[in-house]
């Protein structure tokens, strides 16, 4: 009986976790003079660092927490 009431609580978590990110839609490259690039239809964000400068990006949305794998 209790399982029937738990499903509506966990269903939003399942939907949220299945949404994929798209860098073209979700972030803005804020600096780097061409050293930051978004490729593969928004699936890949590359940031470069050289002797004179680096690059950076900023999310267009505000989040409580996140994870970035490098």
N, C-alpha and C. Protein backbone atom coordinates (compact mmCIF):
# COMPACT_ATOMS: atom_id res chain seq x y z
N UNK A 1 0.82 -1.20 0.00
CA UNK A 1 0.00 0.00 0.00
C UNK A 1 0.86 1.26 0.00
N UNK A 2 1.95 1.24 0.76
CA UNK A 2 2.82 2.42 0.84
C UNK A 2 3.54 2.67 -0.48
N UNK A 3 3.83 1.62 -1.25
CA UNK A 3 4.51 1.79 -2.54
C UNK A 3 3.69 2.63 -3.51
N UNK A 4 2.39 2.55 -3.42
CA UNK A 4 1.51 3.32 -4.29
C UNK A 4 1.69 4.82 -4.06
N UNK A 5 2.01 5.20 -2.85
CA UNK A 5 2.17 6.62 -2.53
C UNK A 5 3.59 7.12 -2.77
N UNK A 6 4.56 6.23 -2.83
CA UNK A 6 5.94 6.63 -3.04
C UNK A 6 6.25 6.92 -4.51
N UNK A 7 5.57 6.26 -5.42
CA UNK A 7 5.83 6.46 -6.85
C UNK A 7 5.68 7.91 -7.28
N UNK A 8 4.62 8.62 -6.90
CA UNK A 8 4.53 10.03 -7.32
C UNK A 8 5.66 10.89 -6.77
N UNK A 9 6.26 10.49 -5.67
CA UNK A 9 7.37 11.26 -5.11
C UNK A 9 8.65 11.07 -5.92
N UNK A 10 8.88 9.87 -6.43
CA UNK A 10 10.11 9.58 -7.15
C UNK A 10 10.01 9.81 -8.65
N UNK A 11 8.84 9.88 -9.21
CA UNK A 11 8.68 10.07 -10.64
C UNK A 11 9.33 11.36 -11.14
N UNK A 12 9.19 12.50 -10.46
CA UNK A 12 9.88 13.71 -10.95
C UNK A 12 11.40 13.55 -10.96
N UNK A 13 11.97 12.81 -10.04
CA UNK A 13 13.42 12.59 -10.02
C UNK A 13 13.86 11.78 -11.23
N UNK A 14 13.08 10.82 -11.63
CA UNK A 14 13.40 10.01 -12.80
C UNK A 14 13.36 10.86 -14.06
N UNK A 15 12.37 11.72 -14.18
CA UNK A 15 12.23 12.58 -15.36
C UNK A 15 13.37 13.58 -15.42
N UNK A 16 13.71 14.19 -14.30
CA UNK A 16 14.78 15.19 -14.27
C UNK A 16 16.12 14.56 -14.62
N UNK A 17 16.40 13.38 -14.12
CA UNK A 17 17.70 12.76 -14.37
C UNK A 17 17.85 12.29 -15.81
N UNK A 18 16.77 12.15 -16.55
CA UNK A 18 16.87 11.68 -17.92
C UNK A 18 17.00 12.82 -18.93
N UNK A 19 16.95 14.06 -18.48
CA UNK A 19 17.08 15.20 -19.38
C UNK A 19 18.56 15.43 -19.67
N UNK A 20 18.91 15.50 -20.94
CA UNK A 20 20.31 15.69 -21.29
C UNK A 20 20.62 17.17 -21.46
N UNK A 21 21.84 17.51 -21.13
CA UNK A 21 22.29 18.90 -21.25
C UNK A 21 22.70 19.19 -22.69
N UNK A 22 22.57 20.44 -23.06
CA UNK A 22 23.02 20.90 -24.36
C UNK A 22 23.76 22.21 -24.12
N UNK A 23 25.06 22.20 -24.37
CA UNK A 23 25.86 23.38 -24.07
C UNK A 23 25.45 24.60 -24.91
N UNK A 24 25.02 24.39 -26.14
CA UNK A 24 24.59 25.52 -26.96
C UNK A 24 23.38 26.21 -26.34
N UNK A 25 22.53 25.44 -25.73
CA UNK A 25 21.31 25.98 -25.13
C UNK A 25 21.54 26.47 -23.70
N UNK A 26 22.43 25.79 -22.96
CA UNK A 26 22.49 25.99 -21.51
C UNK A 26 23.64 26.84 -20.99
N UNK A 27 24.68 27.08 -21.79
CA UNK A 27 25.81 27.86 -21.30
C UNK A 27 26.22 28.93 -22.31
N UNK A 28 26.97 29.88 -21.81
CA UNK A 28 27.53 30.95 -22.64
C UNK A 28 29.03 31.01 -22.38
N UNK A 29 29.82 31.01 -23.44
CA UNK A 29 31.26 31.17 -23.29
C UNK A 29 31.50 32.65 -23.00
N UNK A 30 32.03 32.94 -21.83
CA UNK A 30 32.11 34.33 -21.37
C UNK A 30 33.44 35.01 -21.70
N UNK A 31 34.50 34.26 -21.85
CA UNK A 31 35.77 34.87 -22.20
C UNK A 31 36.71 33.81 -22.76
N UNK A 32 37.74 34.26 -23.45
CA UNK A 32 38.72 33.34 -23.98
C UNK A 32 39.16 33.61 -25.40
N UNK A 33 38.55 34.59 -26.06
CA UNK A 33 38.98 34.98 -27.41
C UNK A 33 39.12 33.77 -28.34
N UNK A 34 38.07 32.96 -28.41
CA UNK A 34 38.08 31.80 -29.31
C UNK A 34 38.65 30.53 -28.71
N UNK A 35 39.10 30.57 -27.47
CA UNK A 35 39.68 29.38 -26.85
C UNK A 35 38.62 28.42 -26.31
N UNK A 36 37.40 28.89 -26.18
CA UNK A 36 36.30 28.02 -25.76
C UNK A 36 35.41 27.72 -26.96
N UNK A 37 35.05 26.46 -27.13
CA UNK A 37 34.23 26.07 -28.28
C UNK A 37 33.18 25.06 -27.85
N UNK A 38 32.02 25.14 -28.48
CA UNK A 38 30.95 24.17 -28.29
C UNK A 38 30.80 23.42 -29.60
N UNK A 39 30.94 22.09 -29.54
CA UNK A 39 30.90 21.26 -30.75
C UNK A 39 29.97 20.06 -30.55
N UNK A 40 29.91 19.21 -31.55
CA UNK A 40 29.09 17.98 -31.52
C UNK A 40 27.64 18.28 -31.18
N UNK A 41 27.06 19.23 -31.90
CA UNK A 41 25.65 19.61 -31.69
C UNK A 41 25.35 19.97 -30.24
N UNK A 42 26.29 20.63 -29.58
CA UNK A 42 26.08 21.09 -28.21
C UNK A 42 26.42 20.07 -27.15
N UNK A 43 26.95 18.92 -27.52
CA UNK A 43 27.26 17.89 -26.54
C UNK A 43 28.65 18.03 -25.93
N UNK A 44 29.53 18.81 -26.55
CA UNK A 44 30.91 18.92 -26.09
C UNK A 44 31.32 20.38 -25.94
N UNK A 45 31.86 20.71 -24.79
CA UNK A 45 32.40 22.04 -24.52
C UNK A 45 33.88 21.89 -24.27
N UNK A 46 34.70 22.57 -25.06
CA UNK A 46 36.15 22.52 -24.87
C UNK A 46 36.64 23.90 -24.46
N UNK A 47 37.49 23.93 -23.45
CA UNK A 47 38.11 25.16 -22.98
C UNK A 47 39.61 24.98 -23.06
N UNK A 48 40.31 25.98 -23.61
CA UNK A 48 41.75 25.89 -23.78
C UNK A 48 42.46 26.90 -22.90
N UNK A 49 43.68 26.56 -22.55
CA UNK A 49 44.55 27.42 -21.75
C UNK A 49 45.90 27.47 -22.45
N UNK A 50 46.43 28.66 -22.67
CA UNK A 50 47.76 28.79 -23.25
C UNK A 50 48.58 29.77 -22.41
N UNK A 51 49.73 30.18 -22.91
CA UNK A 51 50.63 31.05 -22.13
C UNK A 51 50.05 32.43 -21.86
N UNK A 52 49.15 32.89 -22.72
CA UNK A 52 48.64 34.25 -22.55
C UNK A 52 47.29 34.33 -21.86
N UNK A 53 46.46 33.31 -21.96
CA UNK A 53 45.13 33.40 -21.37
C UNK A 53 44.48 32.03 -21.29
N UNK A 54 43.27 32.01 -20.81
CA UNK A 54 42.47 30.79 -20.72
C UNK A 54 41.11 31.03 -21.34
N UNK A 55 40.11 30.36 -20.83
CA UNK A 55 38.75 30.54 -21.32
C UNK A 55 37.78 30.17 -20.22
N UNK A 56 36.56 30.63 -20.35
CA UNK A 56 35.57 30.34 -19.31
C UNK A 56 34.16 30.34 -19.86
N UNK A 57 33.27 29.76 -19.08
CA UNK A 57 31.87 29.72 -19.48
C UNK A 57 30.99 29.94 -18.25
N UNK A 58 29.74 30.25 -18.52
CA UNK A 58 28.78 30.50 -17.45
C UNK A 58 27.45 29.88 -17.84
N UNK A 59 26.80 29.28 -16.88
CA UNK A 59 25.49 28.70 -17.11
C UNK A 59 24.46 29.81 -17.32
N UNK A 60 23.52 29.58 -18.20
CA UNK A 60 22.43 30.54 -18.41
C UNK A 60 21.36 30.39 -17.34
N UNK A 61 21.41 29.29 -16.59
CA UNK A 61 20.46 29.04 -15.52
C UNK A 61 21.20 28.95 -14.19
N UNK A 62 20.47 29.10 -13.12
CA UNK A 62 21.05 29.01 -11.79
C UNK A 62 20.70 27.65 -11.19
N UNK A 63 21.72 26.98 -10.64
CA UNK A 63 21.53 25.66 -10.06
C UNK A 63 22.07 25.64 -8.64
N UNK A 64 21.53 24.75 -7.84
CA UNK A 64 22.01 24.59 -6.48
C UNK A 64 23.35 23.87 -6.47
N UNK A 65 23.53 22.87 -7.34
CA UNK A 65 24.79 22.15 -7.44
C UNK A 65 24.89 21.52 -8.81
N UNK A 66 26.08 21.04 -9.16
CA UNK A 66 26.29 20.40 -10.44
C UNK A 66 27.57 19.59 -10.43
N UNK A 67 27.84 18.90 -11.52
CA UNK A 67 29.03 18.06 -11.63
C UNK A 67 29.60 18.23 -13.03
N UNK A 68 30.91 18.41 -13.09
CA UNK A 68 31.60 18.50 -14.37
C UNK A 68 32.73 17.48 -14.34
N UNK A 69 32.77 16.61 -15.33
CA UNK A 69 33.84 15.63 -15.45
C UNK A 69 34.89 16.16 -16.41
N UNK A 70 36.15 16.02 -16.01
CA UNK A 70 37.26 16.47 -16.87
C UNK A 70 38.19 15.32 -17.14
